[in-house]
Structures are given as C-alpha cells and as structure tokens.
N, C-alpha and C. Protein backbone atom coordinates (compact mmCIF):
# COMPACT_ATOMS: atom_id res chain seq x y z
N MET A 1 0.85 -1.18 0.00
CA MET A 1 0.00 0.00 0.00
C MET A 1 0.90 1.24 0.00
N LYS A 2 0.60 2.17 -0.88
CA LYS A 2 1.35 3.42 -0.93
C LYS A 2 0.83 4.36 0.13
N ARG A 3 1.74 5.16 0.66
CA ARG A 3 1.40 6.06 1.75
C ARG A 3 1.60 7.50 1.32
N ILE A 4 0.67 8.35 1.70
CA ILE A 4 0.73 9.78 1.41
C ILE A 4 0.58 10.54 2.72
N ILE A 5 1.40 11.56 2.90
CA ILE A 5 1.25 12.46 4.03
C ILE A 5 0.65 13.75 3.48
N LEU A 6 -0.51 14.12 4.01
CA LEU A 6 -1.24 15.29 3.55
C LEU A 6 -1.22 16.35 4.64
N GLY A 7 -0.52 17.45 4.39
CA GLY A 7 -0.49 18.56 5.34
C GLY A 7 -1.55 19.58 4.97
N VAL A 8 -2.34 20.00 5.96
CA VAL A 8 -3.43 20.95 5.72
C VAL A 8 -3.22 22.16 6.63
N THR A 9 -3.22 23.34 6.00
CA THR A 9 -3.04 24.59 6.75
C THR A 9 -4.34 25.37 6.76
N GLY A 10 -4.33 26.50 7.43
CA GLY A 10 -5.53 27.32 7.56
C GLY A 10 -5.87 28.02 6.26
N SER A 11 -6.93 27.59 5.63
CA SER A 11 -7.39 28.16 4.37
C SER A 11 -8.85 27.82 4.19
N ALA A 12 -9.54 28.65 3.45
CA ALA A 12 -10.95 28.36 3.15
C ALA A 12 -11.07 27.08 2.34
N TYR A 13 -9.97 26.62 1.75
CA TYR A 13 -9.99 25.39 0.96
C TYR A 13 -9.67 24.14 1.78
N ALA A 14 -9.43 24.30 3.07
CA ALA A 14 -9.12 23.16 3.93
C ALA A 14 -10.20 22.07 3.85
N PRO A 15 -11.49 22.42 3.82
CA PRO A 15 -12.51 21.37 3.70
C PRO A 15 -12.39 20.56 2.40
N ASP A 16 -11.85 21.17 1.33
CA ASP A 16 -11.65 20.43 0.08
C ASP A 16 -10.63 19.32 0.25
N ALA A 17 -9.72 19.48 1.20
CA ALA A 17 -8.70 18.46 1.45
C ALA A 17 -9.34 17.19 2.00
N VAL A 18 -10.50 17.30 2.65
CA VAL A 18 -11.21 16.11 3.14
C VAL A 18 -11.63 15.24 1.95
N LEU A 19 -12.16 15.87 0.92
CA LEU A 19 -12.55 15.14 -0.29
C LEU A 19 -11.34 14.50 -0.95
N LEU A 20 -10.23 15.23 -1.02
CA LEU A 20 -9.00 14.67 -1.59
C LEU A 20 -8.55 13.45 -0.78
N ALA A 21 -8.52 13.58 0.53
CA ALA A 21 -8.10 12.46 1.39
C ALA A 21 -9.01 11.26 1.21
N SER A 22 -10.32 11.52 1.10
CA SER A 22 -11.28 10.44 0.92
C SER A 22 -11.05 9.71 -0.41
N ARG A 23 -10.86 10.47 -1.47
CA ARG A 23 -10.65 9.86 -2.80
C ARG A 23 -9.34 9.09 -2.87
N LEU A 24 -8.31 9.62 -2.25
CA LEU A 24 -7.04 8.89 -2.22
C LEU A 24 -7.19 7.57 -1.45
N THR A 25 -7.91 7.62 -0.34
CA THR A 25 -8.16 6.41 0.45
C THR A 25 -8.95 5.39 -0.36
N GLU A 26 -9.97 5.85 -1.06
CA GLU A 26 -10.77 4.95 -1.91
C GLU A 26 -9.93 4.29 -3.00
N ASN A 27 -8.86 4.96 -3.42
CA ASN A 27 -7.99 4.43 -4.46
C ASN A 27 -6.82 3.64 -3.91
N GLY A 28 -6.90 3.27 -2.64
CA GLY A 28 -5.93 2.36 -2.05
C GLY A 28 -4.73 2.97 -1.38
N TYR A 29 -4.72 4.27 -1.19
CA TYR A 29 -3.61 4.92 -0.50
C TYR A 29 -3.87 5.00 1.00
N ALA A 30 -2.81 4.87 1.78
CA ALA A 30 -2.88 5.13 3.22
C ALA A 30 -2.54 6.61 3.38
N VAL A 31 -3.51 7.41 3.81
CA VAL A 31 -3.33 8.86 3.90
C VAL A 31 -3.20 9.27 5.36
N ASP A 32 -2.03 9.80 5.70
CA ASP A 32 -1.81 10.35 7.03
C ASP A 32 -1.96 11.86 6.93
N VAL A 33 -2.85 12.41 7.75
CA VAL A 33 -3.16 13.84 7.68
C VAL A 33 -2.55 14.56 8.88
N ILE A 34 -1.93 15.71 8.58
CA ILE A 34 -1.39 16.58 9.61
C ILE A 34 -2.08 17.93 9.47
N LEU A 35 -2.73 18.38 10.53
CA LEU A 35 -3.46 19.65 10.51
C LEU A 35 -2.75 20.68 11.39
N THR A 36 -2.62 21.88 10.87
CA THR A 36 -2.11 22.96 11.71
C THR A 36 -3.24 23.46 12.60
N LYS A 37 -2.87 24.23 13.60
CA LYS A 37 -3.88 24.82 14.49
C LYS A 37 -4.82 25.70 13.68
N ALA A 38 -4.29 26.42 12.71
CA ALA A 38 -5.11 27.30 11.86
C ALA A 38 -6.09 26.49 11.02
N ALA A 39 -5.68 25.32 10.56
CA ALA A 39 -6.58 24.47 9.75
C ALA A 39 -7.80 24.05 10.56
N LEU A 40 -7.61 23.85 11.85
CA LEU A 40 -8.71 23.41 12.70
C LEU A 40 -9.82 24.45 12.83
N ARG A 41 -9.55 25.69 12.41
CA ARG A 41 -10.59 26.71 12.39
C ARG A 41 -11.54 26.53 11.21
N PHE A 42 -11.09 25.77 10.21
CA PHE A 42 -11.89 25.57 9.00
C PHE A 42 -12.48 24.17 8.88
N VAL A 43 -11.85 23.18 9.51
CA VAL A 43 -12.29 21.80 9.37
C VAL A 43 -11.88 21.01 10.61
N SER A 44 -12.72 20.06 11.01
CA SER A 44 -12.40 19.27 12.21
C SER A 44 -11.55 18.05 11.86
N ALA A 45 -10.76 17.64 12.81
CA ALA A 45 -9.93 16.45 12.63
C ALA A 45 -10.81 15.21 12.43
N ASP A 46 -11.99 15.20 13.04
CA ASP A 46 -12.89 14.05 12.91
C ASP A 46 -13.30 13.79 11.46
N ARG A 47 -13.44 14.84 10.68
CA ARG A 47 -13.82 14.65 9.27
C ARG A 47 -12.73 13.89 8.52
N PHE A 48 -11.46 14.18 8.83
CA PHE A 48 -10.36 13.47 8.19
C PHE A 48 -10.24 12.04 8.70
N THR A 49 -10.52 11.84 9.98
CA THR A 49 -10.50 10.49 10.54
C THR A 49 -11.54 9.62 9.83
N THR A 50 -12.72 10.17 9.61
CA THR A 50 -13.78 9.45 8.91
C THR A 50 -13.37 9.17 7.46
N ALA A 51 -12.78 10.16 6.81
CA ALA A 51 -12.42 10.02 5.40
C ALA A 51 -11.29 9.03 5.17
N THR A 52 -10.34 8.97 6.10
CA THR A 52 -9.14 8.14 5.89
C THR A 52 -9.12 6.87 6.74
N ARG A 53 -9.97 6.82 7.76
CA ARG A 53 -9.96 5.71 8.72
C ARG A 53 -8.59 5.55 9.38
N ARG A 54 -7.94 6.68 9.60
CA ARG A 54 -6.61 6.69 10.23
C ARG A 54 -6.56 7.81 11.27
N ILE A 55 -5.56 7.75 12.13
CA ILE A 55 -5.34 8.80 13.12
C ILE A 55 -4.93 10.08 12.39
N VAL A 56 -5.42 11.20 12.86
CA VAL A 56 -5.07 12.50 12.31
C VAL A 56 -4.17 13.21 13.32
N TYR A 57 -3.11 13.80 12.81
CA TYR A 57 -2.14 14.48 13.66
C TYR A 57 -2.36 15.99 13.57
N THR A 58 -2.18 16.66 14.71
CA THR A 58 -2.31 18.11 14.73
C THR A 58 -1.08 18.70 15.42
N ASP A 59 -0.86 19.99 15.20
CA ASP A 59 0.23 20.65 15.91
C ASP A 59 -0.28 21.32 17.18
N SER A 60 -1.48 20.95 17.60
CA SER A 60 -2.08 21.51 18.81
C SER A 60 -1.67 20.67 20.02
N VAL A 61 -0.44 20.87 20.43
CA VAL A 61 0.07 20.15 21.60
C VAL A 61 -0.18 21.01 22.82
N PRO A 62 -0.74 20.44 23.88
CA PRO A 62 -0.99 21.24 25.08
C PRO A 62 0.31 21.83 25.62
N GLU A 63 0.21 23.04 26.12
CA GLU A 63 1.39 23.67 26.73
C GLU A 63 1.81 22.84 27.94
N GLN A 64 3.09 22.61 28.04
CA GLN A 64 3.60 21.83 29.16
C GLN A 64 4.70 22.62 29.85
N THR A 65 4.75 22.49 31.15
CA THR A 65 5.82 23.10 31.92
C THR A 65 7.03 22.19 31.82
N PRO A 66 8.20 22.76 31.50
CA PRO A 66 9.37 21.89 31.41
C PRO A 66 9.66 21.24 32.75
N PRO A 67 10.18 20.02 32.72
CA PRO A 67 10.47 19.34 33.99
C PRO A 67 11.51 20.13 34.79
N GLU A 68 11.36 20.05 36.09
CA GLU A 68 12.29 20.73 36.99
C GLU A 68 13.66 20.10 36.86
N HIS A 69 14.69 20.93 36.76
CA HIS A 69 16.06 20.42 36.62
C HIS A 69 16.59 20.01 37.99
N ARG A 70 17.11 18.82 38.06
CA ARG A 70 17.69 18.33 39.31
C ARG A 70 19.11 17.84 39.04
N CYS A 71 20.01 18.28 39.84
CA CYS A 71 21.40 17.91 39.68
C CYS A 71 21.68 16.63 40.48
N HIS A 72 22.30 15.66 39.83
CA HIS A 72 22.58 14.39 40.50
C HIS A 72 24.08 14.17 40.60
N GLY A 73 24.82 15.20 40.85
CA GLY A 73 26.27 15.07 40.95
C GLY A 73 26.76 14.95 42.38
N ASN A 74 28.05 14.94 42.54
CA ASN A 74 28.66 14.91 43.87
C ASN A 74 28.75 16.34 44.40
N GLY A 75 28.05 16.64 45.42
CA GLY A 75 28.24 17.94 46.00
C GLY A 75 27.04 18.71 46.14
C-alpha cells in the first residue's frame, strides 16, 4: 500500500482536502493527515479520521511546563 502524508493549513480550501483524502483512500492509498492549528478553524480532525480511517495528527500540543532540573552530581 502506498502512503501519502497530507499537510493541511488554515485556508478556506481546507474542507476540500477532506474530499481529496477520501478519494485517495478509496484508491488504495494510506493517507496520514497533519493539521495545523489554523486548519482546525476551518475543518475538524474528525472529518479526516472518517475520510481516511486513520489517526489525524495536529500541531495543537498542550502547553507543558518543562520538567524541573535536578542535579545528581557529587556535592
């Protein structure tokens, strides 16, 4: 099976990418979709999950506090 990575950014045409992903999937491609935070304003990740039957990746990672630095040396 051939694999395609489809990156979708914030645009009024983002919903058209759902149709593209669906058609590629129907034609035997494994389509991995990556959505930017801006793309999510135009189309939901669930629509791509339904179209591709695969996990959809986003750049919307929750803010995390960096781990506290601890020194493990002598002294």
